[in-house]
Amino acid sequence: METLPTEPISVRVSTAVKLTGIPRSTLYELINSGEIETVKIGRSTFIPYRCLRRLVEG
């Protein structure tokens, strides 16, 4: 039986705001400065979960 990951691979910006407590505008500033990596799929923007962990763990 295949084991699924316990963490998501990526999350939408709105979910990242809820998970981190970082304001949406600050999150977009971090994205625009290149500090946070994003992946565009269609019109949706996703943030790799590993990037959020790195950000909050310092």
PDB file of N, CA and C in Angstrom:
ATOM      1  N   MET A   1       0.844  -1.188   0.000  1.00  0.00           N
ATOM      2  CA  MET A   1       0.000   0.000   0.000  1.00  0.00           C
ATOM      3  C   MET A   1       0.888   1.250   0.000  1.00  0.00           C
ATOM      4  N   GLU A   2       0.558   2.210  -0.834  1.00  0.00           N
ATOM      5  CA  GLU A   2       1.325   3.444  -0.971  1.00  0.00           C
ATOM      6  C   GLU A   2       1.031   4.388   0.192  1.00  0.00           C
ATOM      7  N   THR A   3       2.078   4.979   0.760  1.00  0.00           N
ATOM      8  CA  THR A   3       1.925   5.941   1.842  1.00  0.00           C
ATOM      9  C   THR A   3       1.885   7.347   1.260  1.00  0.00           C
ATOM     10  N   LEU A   4       0.877   8.098   1.622  1.00  0.00           N
ATOM     11  CA  LEU A   4       0.739   9.472   1.139  1.00  0.00           C
ATOM     12  C   LEU A   4       1.526  10.414   2.040  1.00  0.00           C
ATOM     13  N   PRO A   5       2.031  11.516   1.481  1.00  0.00           N
ATOM     14  CA  PRO A   5       2.774  12.473   2.302  1.00  0.00           C
ATOM     15  C   PRO A   5       1.877  13.103   3.360  1.00  0.00           C
ATOM     16  N   THR A   6       2.457  13.457   4.500  1.00  0.00           N
ATOM     17  CA  THR A   6       1.678  14.074   5.571  1.00  0.00           C
ATOM     18  C   THR A   6       1.530  15.578   5.369  1.00  0.00           C
ATOM     19  N   GLU A   7       2.381  16.163   4.523  1.00  0.00           N
ATOM     20  CA  GLU A   7       2.297  17.577   4.204  1.00  0.00           C
ATOM     21  C   GLU A   7       1.908  17.730   2.742  1.00  0.00           C
ATOM     22  N   PRO A   8       1.200  18.806   2.418  1.00  0.00           N
ATOM     23  CA  PRO A   8       0.881  19.043   1.005  1.00  0.00           C
ATOM     24  C   PRO A   8       2.148  19.394   0.222  1.00  0.00           C
ATOM     25  N   ILE A   9       2.133  19.162  -1.052  1.00  0.00           N
ATOM     26  CA  ILE A   9       3.256  19.536  -1.910  1.00  0.00           C
ATOM     27  C   ILE A   9       3.279  21.051  -2.093  1.00  0.00           C
ATOM     28  N   SER A  10       2.104  21.622  -2.281  1.00  0.00           N
ATOM     29  CA  SER A  10       1.995  23.073  -2.439  1.00  0.00           C
ATOM     30  C   SER A  10       0.636  23.529  -1.951  1.00  0.00           C
ATOM     31  N   VAL A  11       0.541  24.836  -1.697  1.00  0.00           N
ATOM     32  CA  VAL A  11      -0.735  25.414  -1.250  1.00  0.00           C
ATOM     33  C   VAL A  11      -0.985  26.713  -2.009  1.00  0.00           C
ATOM     34  N   ARG A  12      -2.238  27.086  -2.096  1.00  0.00           N
ATOM     35  CA  ARG A  12      -2.600  28.362  -2.708  1.00  0.00           C
ATOM     36  C   ARG A  12      -2.193  29.499  -1.769  1.00  0.00           C
ATOM     37  N   VAL A  13      -2.105  30.686  -2.295  1.00  0.00           N
ATOM     38  CA  VAL A  13      -1.701  31.855  -1.513  1.00  0.00           C
ATOM     39  C   VAL A  13      -2.639  32.047  -0.329  1.00  0.00           C
ATOM     40  N   SER A  14      -3.937  31.901  -0.529  1.00  0.00           N
ATOM     41  CA  SER A  14      -4.896  32.102   0.568  1.00  0.00           C
ATOM     42  C   SER A  14      -4.655  31.112   1.710  1.00  0.00           C
ATOM     43  N   THR A  15      -4.299  29.892   1.383  1.00  0.00           N
ATOM     44  CA  THR A  15      -4.002  28.889   2.406  1.00  0.00           C
ATOM     45  C   THR A  15      -2.688  29.221   3.099  1.00  0.00           C
ATOM     46  N   ALA A  16      -1.701  29.707   2.349  1.00  0.00           N
ATOM     47  CA  ALA A  16      -0.410  30.095   2.926  1.00  0.00           C
ATOM     48  C   ALA A  16      -0.595  31.223   3.943  1.00  0.00           C
ATOM     49  N   VAL A  17      -1.490  32.150   3.666  1.00  0.00           N
ATOM     50  CA  VAL A  17      -1.787  33.244   4.593  1.00  0.00           C
ATOM     51  C   VAL A  17      -2.325  32.666   5.901  1.00  0.00           C
ATOM     52  N   LYS A  18      -3.255  31.720   5.810  1.00  0.00           N
ATOM     53  CA  LYS A  18      -3.847  31.107   7.008  1.00  0.00           C
ATOM     54  C   LYS A  18      -2.818  30.280   7.777  1.00  0.00           C
ATOM     55  N   LEU A  19      -1.981  29.547   7.068  1.00  0.00           N
ATOM     56  CA  LEU A  19      -0.995  28.680   7.724  1.00  0.00           C
ATOM     57  C   LEU A  19       0.100  29.460   8.433  1.00  0.00           C
ATOM     58  N   THR A  20       0.545  30.549   7.843  1.00  0.00           N
ATOM     59  CA  THR A  20       1.694  31.277   8.380  1.00  0.00           C
ATOM     60  C   THR A  20       1.312  32.471   9.248  1.00  0.00           C
ATOM     61  N   GLY A  21       0.135  33.032   9.005  1.00  0.00           N
ATOM     62  CA  GLY A  21      -0.253  34.252   9.711  1.00  0.00           C
ATOM     63  C   GLY A  21       0.378  35.499   9.095  1.00  0.00           C
ATOM     64  N   ILE A  22       1.087  35.313   7.988  1.00  0.00           N
ATOM     65  CA  ILE A  22       1.707  36.438   7.285  1.00  0.00           C
ATOM     66  C   ILE A  22       0.631  37.124   6.447  1.00  0.00           C
ATOM     67  N   PRO A  23       0.528  38.448   6.533  1.00  0.00           N
ATOM     68  CA  PRO A  23      -0.483  39.152   5.729  1.00  0.00           C
ATOM     69  C   PRO A  23      -0.294  38.883   4.226  1.00  0.00           C
ATOM     70  N   ARG A  24      -1.401  38.860   3.525  1.00  0.00           N
ATOM     71  CA  ARG A  24      -1.394  38.585   2.081  1.00  0.00           C
ATOM     72  C   ARG A  24      -0.456  39.533   1.334  1.00  0.00           C
ATOM     73  N   SER A  25      -0.495  40.824   1.685  1.00  0.00           N
ATOM     74  CA  SER A  25       0.351  41.796   0.982  1.00  0.00           C
ATOM     75  C   SER A  25       1.836  41.507   1.224  1.00  0.00           C
ATOM     76  N   THR A  26       2.196  41.119   2.438  1.00  0.00           N
ATOM     77  CA  THR A  26       3.584  40.775   2.754  1.00  0.00           C
ATOM     78  C   THR A  26       3.997  39.531   2.003  1.00  0.00           C
ATOM     79  N   LEU A  27       3.107  38.564   1.918  1.00  0.00           N
ATOM     80  CA  LEU A  27       3.398  37.334   1.183  1.00  0.00           C
ATOM     81  C   LEU A  27       3.672  37.646  -0.289  1.00  0.00           C
ATOM     82  N   TYR A  28       2.870  38.523  -0.880  1.00  0.00           N
ATOM     83  CA  TYR A  28       3.102  38.912  -2.273  1.00  0.00           C
ATOM     84  C   TYR A  28       4.409  39.693  -2.440  1.00  0.00           C
ATOM     85  N   GLU A  29       4.781  40.490  -1.440  1.00  0.00           N
ATOM     86  CA  GLU A  29       6.069  41.182  -1.490  1.00  0.00           C
ATOM     87  C   GLU A  29       7.218  40.169  -1.494  1.00  0.00           C
ATOM     88  N   LEU A  30       7.107  39.128  -0.663  1.00  0.00           N
ATOM     89  CA  LEU A  30       8.125  38.082  -0.605  1.00  0.00           C
ATOM     90  C   LEU A  30       8.189  37.302  -1.923  1.00  0.00           C
ATOM     91  N   ILE A  31       7.034  37.096  -2.531  1.00  0.00           N
ATOM     92  CA  ILE A  31       6.979  36.414  -3.832  1.00  0.00           C
ATOM     93  C   ILE A  31       7.651  37.289  -4.893  1.00  0.00           C
ATOM     94  N   ASN A  32       7.296  38.573  -4.932  1.00  0.00           N
ATOM     95  CA  ASN A  32       7.842  39.486  -5.944  1.00  0.00           C
ATOM     96  C   ASN A  32       9.344  39.705  -5.788  1.00  0.00           C
ATOM     97  N   SER A  33       9.843  39.611  -4.559  1.00  0.00           N
ATOM     98  CA  SER A  33      11.284  39.789  -4.332  1.00  0.00           C
ATOM     99  C   SER A  33      12.071  38.508  -4.607  1.00  0.00           C
ATOM    100  N   GLY A  34      11.350  37.407  -4.825  1.00  0.00           N
ATOM    101  CA  GLY A  34      12.013  36.136  -5.103  1.00  0.00           C
ATOM    102  C   GLY A  34      12.348  35.328  -3.867  1.00  0.00           C
ATOM    103  N   GLU A  35      11.958  35.801  -2.689  1.00  0.00           N
ATOM    104  CA  GLU A  35      12.238  35.073  -1.451  1.00  0.00           C
ATOM    105  C   GLU A  35      11.372  33.825  -1.315  1.00  0.00           C
ATOM    106  N   ILE A  36      10.202  33.859  -1.933  1.00  0.00           N
ATOM    107  CA  ILE A  36       9.308  32.698  -1.926  1.00  0.00           C
ATOM    108  C   ILE A  36       9.066  32.282  -3.368  1.00  0.00           C
ATOM    109  N   GLU A  37       9.273  31.021  -3.625  1.00  0.00           N
ATOM    110  CA  GLU A  37       9.079  30.434  -4.958  1.00  0.00           C
ATOM    111  C   GLU A  37       7.583  30.183  -5.182  1.00  0.00           C
ATOM    112  N   THR A  38       7.138  30.337  -6.410  1.00  0.00           N
ATOM    113  CA  THR A  38       5.747  30.021  -6.757  1.00  0.00           C
ATOM    114  C   THR A  38       5.693  29.174  -8.008  1.00  0.00           C
ATOM    115  N   VAL A  39       4.553  28.530  -8.176  1.00  0.00           N
ATOM    116  CA  VAL A  39       4.280  27.737  -9.373  1.00  0.00           C
ATOM    117  C   VAL A  39       2.927  28.185  -9.895  1.00  0.00           C
ATOM    118  N   LYS A  40       2.869  28.582 -11.160  1.00  0.00           N
ATOM    119  CA  LYS A  40       1.596  28.972 -11.776  1.00  0.00           C
ATOM    120  C   LYS A  40       1.027  27.784 -12.522  1.00  0.00           C
ATOM    121  N   ILE A  41      -0.222  27.476 -12.242  1.00  0.00           N
ATOM    122  CA  ILE A  41      -0.952  26.442 -12.974  1.00  0.00           C
ATOM    123  C   ILE A  41      -2.243  27.107 -13.428  1.00  0.00           C
ATOM    124  N   GLY A  42      -2.313  27.370 -14.716  1.00  0.00           N
ATOM    125  CA  GLY A  42      -3.439  28.150 -15.229  1.00  0.00           C
ATOM    126  C   GLY A  42      -3.369  29.535 -14.628  1.00  0.00           C
ATOM    127  N   ARG A  43      -4.467  29.970 -14.034  1.00  0.00           N
ATOM    128  CA  ARG A  43      -4.493  31.292 -13.392  1.00  0.00           C
ATOM    129  C   ARG A  43      -4.196  31.209 -11.903  1.00  0.00           C
ATOM    130  N   SER A  44      -4.006  30.019 -11.392  1.00  0.00           N
ATOM    131  CA  SER A  44      -3.768  29.831  -9.955  1.00  0.00           C
ATOM    132  C   SER A  44      -2.284  29.877  -9.622  1.00  0.00           C
ATOM    133  N   THR A  45      -1.979  30.467  -8.479  1.00  0.00           N
ATOM    134  CA  THR A  45      -0.606  30.539  -7.987  1.00  0.00           C
ATOM    135  C   THR A  45      -0.486  29.629  -6.775  1.00  0.00           C
ATOM    136  N   PHE A  46       0.528  28.772  -6.793  1.00  0.00           N
ATOM    137  CA  PHE A  46       0.775  27.856  -5.690  1.00  0.00           C
ATOM    138  C   PHE A  46       2.157  28.118  -5.116  1.00  0.00           C
ATOM    139  N   ILE A  47       2.277  27.924  -3.816  1.00  0.00           N
ATOM    140  CA  ILE A  47       3.562  28.065  -3.140  1.00  0.00           C
ATOM    141  C   ILE A  47       3.970  26.686  -2.641  1.00  0.00           C
ATOM    142  N   PRO A  48       5.156  26.223  -3.022  1.00  0.00           N
ATOM    143  CA  PRO A  48       5.625  24.936  -2.497  1.00  0.00           C
ATOM    144  C   PRO A  48       5.683  24.989  -0.964  1.00  0.00           C
ATOM    145  N   TYR A  49       5.167  23.964  -0.348  1.00  0.00           N
ATOM    146  CA  TYR A  49       5.093  23.909   1.110  1.00  0.00           C
ATOM    147  C   TYR A  49       6.479  24.030   1.740  1.00  0.00           C
ATOM    148  N   ARG A  50       7.484  23.447   1.094  1.00  0.00           N
ATOM    149  CA  ARG A  50       8.852  23.495   1.624  1.00  0.00           C
ATOM    150  C   ARG A  50       9.339  24.928   1.743  1.00  0.00           C
ATOM    151  N   CYS A  51       8.886  25.804   0.845  1.00  0.00           N
ATOM    152  CA  CYS A  51       9.284  27.213   0.886  1.00  0.00           C
ATOM    153  C   CYS A  51       8.671  27.914   2.111  1.00  0.00           C
ATOM    154  N   LEU A  52       7.440  27.558   2.434  1.00  0.00           N
ATOM    155  CA  LEU A  52       6.797  28.144   3.612  1.00  0.00           C
ATOM    156  C   LEU A  52       7.494  27.678   4.889  1.00  0.00           C
ATOM    157  N   ARG A  53       7.837  26.391   4.946  1.00  0.00           N
ATOM    158  CA  ARG A  53       8.552  25.858   6.115  1.00  0.00           C
ATOM    159  C   ARG A  53       9.881  26.569   6.300  1.00  0.00           C
ATOM    160  N   ARG A  54      10.612  26.731   5.218  1.00  0.00           N
ATOM    161  CA  ARG A  54      11.907  27.409   5.259  1.00  0.00           C
ATOM    162  C   ARG A  54      11.742  28.842   5.757  1.00  0.00           C
ATOM    163  N   LEU A  55      10.686  29.509   5.311  1.00  0.00           N
ATOM    164  CA  LEU A  55      10.445  30.901   5.679  1.00  0.00           C
ATOM    165  C   LEU A  55      10.186  31.029   7.187  1.00  0.00           C
ATOM    166  N   VAL A  56       9.332  30.201   7.731  1.00  0.00           N
ATOM    167  CA  VAL A  56       8.965  30.347   9.142  1.00  0.00           C
ATOM    168  C   VAL A  56       9.971  29.698  10.097  1.00  0.00           C
ATOM    169  N   GLU A  57      10.744  28.741   9.608  1.00  0.00           N
ATOM    170  CA  GLU A  57      11.747  28.117  10.455  1.00  0.00           C
ATOM    171  C   GLU A  57      13.044  28.903  10.485  1.00  0.00           C
ATOM    172  N   GLY A  58      13.182  29.816   9.527  1.00  0.00           N
ATOM    173  CA  GLY A  58      14.340  30.694   9.464  1.00  0.00           C
ATOM    174  C   GLY A  58      15.532  30.000   8.991  1.00  0.00           C
TER     175      GLY A  58
END
